[in-house]
Amino acid sequence: MPISKINTKGLGDSSVTAVKIDDGAVVASEIADGSITTAKIADDAVTSAKVGTGAVVADGLGTGAVI
């Protein structure tokens, strides 16, 4: 009989890697607030289309950040 479920205790440290996670397997509701940091966001990954109206205010921008 094949294994269909493995609980957290059955996984060794570092046994689940990015290569083993299918695209789309992790969705926004499963990501804890504050867990995605600036260092984890790829360059040019945040576009104007992804930023909500009013989400960025002048005090949040560095000098020369808008060209």
C-alpha atoms as a PDB file:
ATOM      1  CA  MET A   1       0.000   0.000   0.000  1.00  0.00           C
ATOM      2  CA  PRO A   2       1.578   3.353  -1.028  1.00  0.00           C
ATOM      3  CA  ILE A   3       1.981   6.169   1.447  1.00  0.00           C
ATOM      4  CA  SER A   4      -0.485   8.962   0.726  1.00  0.00           C
ATOM      5  CA  LYS A   5       0.215  11.227   3.694  1.00  0.00           C
ATOM      6  CA  ILE A   6       3.279  12.064   5.728  1.00  0.00           C
ATOM      7  CA  ASN A   7       2.945  14.223   8.819  1.00  0.00           C
ATOM      8  CA  THR A   8       5.485  16.813   9.923  1.00  0.00           C
ATOM      9  CA  LYS A   9       7.115  14.404  12.391  1.00  0.00           C
ATOM     10  CA  GLY A  10       7.832  12.026   9.504  1.00  0.00           C
ATOM     11  CA  LEU A  11       9.995  14.590   7.673  1.00  0.00           C
ATOM     12  CA  GLY A  12      13.673  15.033   8.405  1.00  0.00           C
ATOM     13  CA  ASP A  13      15.213  18.484   8.737  1.00  0.00           C
ATOM     14  CA  SER A  14      15.760  20.077   5.306  1.00  0.00           C
ATOM     15  CA  SER A  15      14.081  17.145   3.520  1.00  0.00           C
ATOM     16  CA  VAL A  16      11.652  19.360   1.574  1.00  0.00           C
ATOM     17  CA  THR A  17      13.501  21.611  -0.845  1.00  0.00           C
ATOM     18  CA  ALA A  18      12.346  24.161  -3.424  1.00  0.00           C
ATOM     19  CA  VAL A  19      13.010  21.650  -6.212  1.00  0.00           C
ATOM     20  CA  LYS A  20      10.505  19.249  -4.625  1.00  0.00           C
ATOM     21  CA  ILE A  21       7.666  21.799  -4.409  1.00  0.00           C
ATOM     22  CA  ASP A  22       5.498  21.983  -7.533  1.00  0.00           C
ATOM     23  CA  ASP A  23       4.756  25.363  -9.120  1.00  0.00           C
ATOM     24  CA  GLY A  24       1.513  26.705  -7.651  1.00  0.00           C
ATOM     25  CA  ALA A  25       1.599  24.324  -4.657  1.00  0.00           C
ATOM     26  CA  VAL A  26       1.959  27.187  -2.165  1.00  0.00           C
ATOM     27  CA  VAL A  27      -0.674  29.913  -2.364  1.00  0.00           C
ATOM     28  CA  ALA A  28      -0.950  33.310  -0.651  1.00  0.00           C
ATOM     29  CA  SER A  29      -3.232  32.049   2.136  1.00  0.00           C
ATOM     30  CA  GLU A  30      -0.481  29.624   3.236  1.00  0.00           C
ATOM     31  CA  ILE A  31       2.242  32.293   3.565  1.00  0.00           C
ATOM     32  CA  ALA A  32       2.522  33.899   7.002  1.00  0.00           C
ATOM     33  CA  ASP A  33       2.271  37.688   7.209  1.00  0.00           C
ATOM     34  CA  GLY A  34       5.724  39.253   7.238  1.00  0.00           C
ATOM     35  CA  SER A  35       7.513  36.131   5.998  1.00  0.00           C
ATOM     36  CA  ILE A  36       8.460  37.565   2.602  1.00  0.00           C
ATOM     37  CA  THR A  37      11.259  40.064   3.059  1.00  0.00           C
ATOM     38  CA  THR A  38      12.875  42.512   0.656  1.00  0.00           C
ATOM     39  CA  ALA A  39      15.837  40.174   0.191  1.00  0.00           C
ATOM     40  CA  LYS A  40      13.470  37.409  -0.997  1.00  0.00           C
ATOM     41  CA  ILE A  41      11.850  39.535  -3.736  1.00  0.00           C
ATOM     42  CA  ALA A  42      13.613  39.353  -7.105  1.00  0.00           C
ATOM     43  CA  ASP A  43      14.721  42.556  -8.813  1.00  0.00           C
ATOM     44  CA  ASP A  44      11.881  44.026 -10.916  1.00  0.00           C
ATOM     45  CA  ALA A  45       9.378  41.515  -9.441  1.00  0.00           C
ATOM     46  CA  VAL A  46       7.046  44.225  -8.106  1.00  0.00           C
ATOM     47  CA  THR A  47       5.419  46.144 -10.931  1.00  0.00           C
ATOM     48  CA  SER A  48       3.007  49.086 -11.049  1.00  0.00           C
ATOM     49  CA  ALA A  49       0.177  46.661 -11.862  1.00  0.00           C
ATOM     50  CA  LYS A  50       0.848  44.752  -8.616  1.00  0.00           C
ATOM     51  CA  VAL A  51       0.841  47.815  -6.338  1.00  0.00           C
ATOM     52  CA  GLY A  52      -2.582  48.892  -5.109  1.00  0.00           C
ATOM     53  CA  THR A  53      -3.809  52.449  -5.431  1.00  0.00           C
ATOM     54  CA  GLY A  54      -2.594  54.459  -2.437  1.00  0.00           C
ATOM     55  CA  ALA A  55      -0.276  51.661  -1.240  1.00  0.00           C
ATOM     56  CA  VAL A  56       2.856  53.788  -1.647  1.00  0.00           C
ATOM     57  CA  VAL A  57       3.144  57.272  -0.196  1.00  0.00           C
ATOM     58  CA  ALA A  58       5.868  59.873  -0.760  1.00  0.00           C
ATOM     59  CA  ASP A  59       7.519  59.193   2.615  1.00  0.00           C
ATOM     60  CA  GLY A  60       8.007  55.547   1.557  1.00  0.00           C
ATOM     61  CA  LEU A  61      10.119  56.454  -1.475  1.00  0.00           C
ATOM     62  CA  GLY A  62      13.821  57.170  -1.499  1.00  0.00           C
ATOM     63  CA  THR A  63      15.295  60.289  -3.077  1.00  0.00           C
ATOM     64  CA  GLY A  64      15.376  59.807  -6.856  1.00  0.00           C
ATOM     65  CA  ALA A  65      13.340  56.585  -6.660  1.00  0.00           C
ATOM     66  CA  VAL A  66      10.766  57.803  -9.155  1.00  0.00           C
ATOM     67  CA  ILE A  67      12.051  58.674 -12.594  1.00  0.00           C
END
